[in-house]
Amino acid sequence: MCTREEIEDFHQFALQQLEGDASNLNIQDLAGLWQTRNIPAAEFAESVAAVKSALQDMRQGDQEQPAEEVIAELRMI
């Protein structure tokens, strides 16, 4: 899809959102929502596979790193 088509698609998406339940969103929120809904298929499949793998690990007892530690590390970045 070329840039012009992407802009037109985003424009239509944004107008639909603003006419619906998302009338309180700003441009950054709309852009984030649009990007989330337009993730390339390969990237989406990779994310789904990663989540499935993590869930399988959890079912097998692998707890990895506690969420509190991960959050603390992210705050230090």
C-alpha atoms as a PDB file:
ATOM      1  CA  MET A   1       0.000   0.000   0.000  1.00  0.00           C
ATOM      2  CA  CYS A   2       1.422   3.398  -0.937  1.00  0.00           C
ATOM      3  CA  THR A   3       1.598   6.337   1.439  1.00  0.00           C
ATOM      4  CA  ARG A   4      -1.367   8.133  -0.140  1.00  0.00           C
ATOM      5  CA  GLU A   5      -3.586   5.069   0.326  1.00  0.00           C
ATOM      6  CA  GLU A   6      -2.451   4.688   3.930  1.00  0.00           C
ATOM      7  CA  ILE A   7      -3.293   8.318   4.657  1.00  0.00           C
ATOM      8  CA  GLU A   8      -6.714   7.916   3.062  1.00  0.00           C
ATOM      9  CA  ASP A   9      -7.333   4.715   5.037  1.00  0.00           C
ATOM     10  CA  PHE A  10      -6.303   6.428   8.282  1.00  0.00           C
ATOM     11  CA  HIS A  11      -8.510   9.415   7.477  1.00  0.00           C
ATOM     12  CA  GLN A  12     -11.557   7.193   6.988  1.00  0.00           C
ATOM     13  CA  PHE A  13     -10.720   5.185  10.110  1.00  0.00           C
ATOM     14  CA  ALA A  14     -10.302   8.349  12.211  1.00  0.00           C
ATOM     15  CA  LEU A  15     -13.601   9.801  11.012  1.00  0.00           C
ATOM     16  CA  GLN A  16     -15.422   6.561  11.832  1.00  0.00           C
ATOM     17  CA  GLN A  17     -13.881   6.474  15.300  1.00  0.00           C
ATOM     18  CA  LEU A  18     -14.757  10.094  16.000  1.00  0.00           C
ATOM     19  CA  GLU A  19     -18.354   9.513  14.942  1.00  0.00           C
ATOM     20  CA  GLY A  20     -18.602   6.495  17.234  1.00  0.00           C
ATOM     21  CA  ASP A  21     -17.566   5.703  20.776  1.00  0.00           C
ATOM     22  CA  ALA A  22     -14.057   7.105  20.396  1.00  0.00           C
ATOM     23  CA  SER A  23     -15.047  10.766  20.026  1.00  0.00           C
ATOM     24  CA  ASN A  24     -12.841  11.686  22.997  1.00  0.00           C
ATOM     25  CA  LEU A  25      -9.596  10.400  21.429  1.00  0.00           C
ATOM     26  CA  ASN A  26      -6.833  12.751  20.318  1.00  0.00           C
ATOM     27  CA  ILE A  27      -4.756  12.308  17.157  1.00  0.00           C
ATOM     28  CA  GLN A  28      -2.039  10.310  18.934  1.00  0.00           C
ATOM     29  CA  ASP A  29      -4.621   7.921  20.392  1.00  0.00           C
ATOM     30  CA  LEU A  30      -6.259   7.499  16.989  1.00  0.00           C
ATOM     31  CA  ALA A  31      -2.899   6.810  15.338  1.00  0.00           C
ATOM     32  CA  GLY A  32      -1.990   4.236  17.975  1.00  0.00           C
ATOM     33  CA  LEU A  33      -5.337   2.507  17.644  1.00  0.00           C
ATOM     34  CA  TRP A  34      -5.047   2.478  13.849  1.00  0.00           C
ATOM     35  CA  GLN A  35      -1.523   1.029  13.990  1.00  0.00           C
ATOM     36  CA  THR A  36      -2.666  -1.664  16.400  1.00  0.00           C
ATOM     37  CA  ARG A  37      -5.472  -2.664  14.072  1.00  0.00           C
ATOM     38  CA  ASN A  38      -3.201  -2.654  11.020  1.00  0.00           C
ATOM     39  CA  ILE A  39      -0.292  -4.785  12.214  1.00  0.00           C
ATOM     40  CA  PRO A  40       1.302  -6.698   9.316  1.00  0.00           C
ATOM     41  CA  ALA A  41       0.188 -10.345   9.262  1.00  0.00           C
ATOM     42  CA  ALA A  42       3.720 -11.690   9.803  1.00  0.00           C
ATOM     43  CA  GLU A  43       4.287  -9.454  12.825  1.00  0.00           C
ATOM     44  CA  PHE A  44       0.904 -10.410  14.268  1.00  0.00           C
ATOM     45  CA  ALA A  45       1.623 -14.122  13.784  1.00  0.00           C
ATOM     46  CA  GLU A  46       5.004 -13.721  15.479  1.00  0.00           C
ATOM     47  CA  SER A  47       3.382 -12.003  18.467  1.00  0.00           C
ATOM     48  CA  VAL A  48       0.705 -14.677  18.764  1.00  0.00           C
ATOM     49  CA  ALA A  49       3.349 -17.406  18.640  1.00  0.00           C
ATOM     50  CA  ALA A  50       5.364 -15.670  21.388  1.00  0.00           C
ATOM     51  CA  VAL A  51       2.311 -15.378  23.638  1.00  0.00           C
ATOM     52  CA  LYS A  52       1.369 -19.020  23.047  1.00  0.00           C
ATOM     53  CA  SER A  53       4.898 -20.099  23.875  1.00  0.00           C
ATOM     54  CA  ALA A  54       4.910 -18.045  27.077  1.00  0.00           C
ATOM     55  CA  LEU A  55       1.546 -19.490  28.125  1.00  0.00           C
ATOM     56  CA  GLN A  56       2.816 -23.005  27.501  1.00  0.00           C
ATOM     57  CA  ASP A  57       5.898 -22.276  29.605  1.00  0.00           C
ATOM     58  CA  MET A  58       3.689 -20.980  32.415  1.00  0.00           C
ATOM     59  CA  ARG A  59       1.511 -24.107  32.292  1.00  0.00           C
ATOM     60  CA  GLN A  60       4.652 -26.177  32.702  1.00  0.00           C
ATOM     61  CA  GLY A  61       5.634 -24.233  35.817  1.00  0.00           C
ATOM     62  CA  ASP A  62       8.133 -21.795  34.342  1.00  0.00           C
ATOM     63  CA  GLN A  63       7.478 -18.509  36.100  1.00  0.00           C
ATOM     64  CA  GLU A  64      10.294 -16.542  34.500  1.00  0.00           C
ATOM     65  CA  GLN A  65      10.902 -13.158  36.111  1.00  0.00           C
ATOM     66  CA  PRO A  66       8.305 -11.647  38.483  1.00  0.00           C
ATOM     67  CA  ALA A  67       6.343  -8.735  37.004  1.00  0.00           C
ATOM     68  CA  GLU A  68       7.524  -6.392  39.750  1.00  0.00           C
ATOM     69  CA  GLU A  69      11.139  -6.948  38.707  1.00  0.00           C
ATOM     70  CA  VAL A  70      10.370  -6.377  35.034  1.00  0.00           C
ATOM     71  CA  ILE A  71       8.509  -3.146  35.814  1.00  0.00           C
ATOM     72  CA  ALA A  72      11.377  -1.937  38.029  1.00  0.00           C
ATOM     73  CA  GLU A  73      13.861  -2.632  35.232  1.00  0.00           C
ATOM     74  CA  LEU A  74      11.712  -0.794  32.673  1.00  0.00           C
ATOM     75  CA  ARG A  75      11.512   2.247  34.925  1.00  0.00           C
ATOM     76  CA  MET A  76      15.301   2.399  35.055  1.00  0.00           C
ATOM     77  CA  ILE A  77      15.557   2.715  31.257  1.00  0.00           C
END
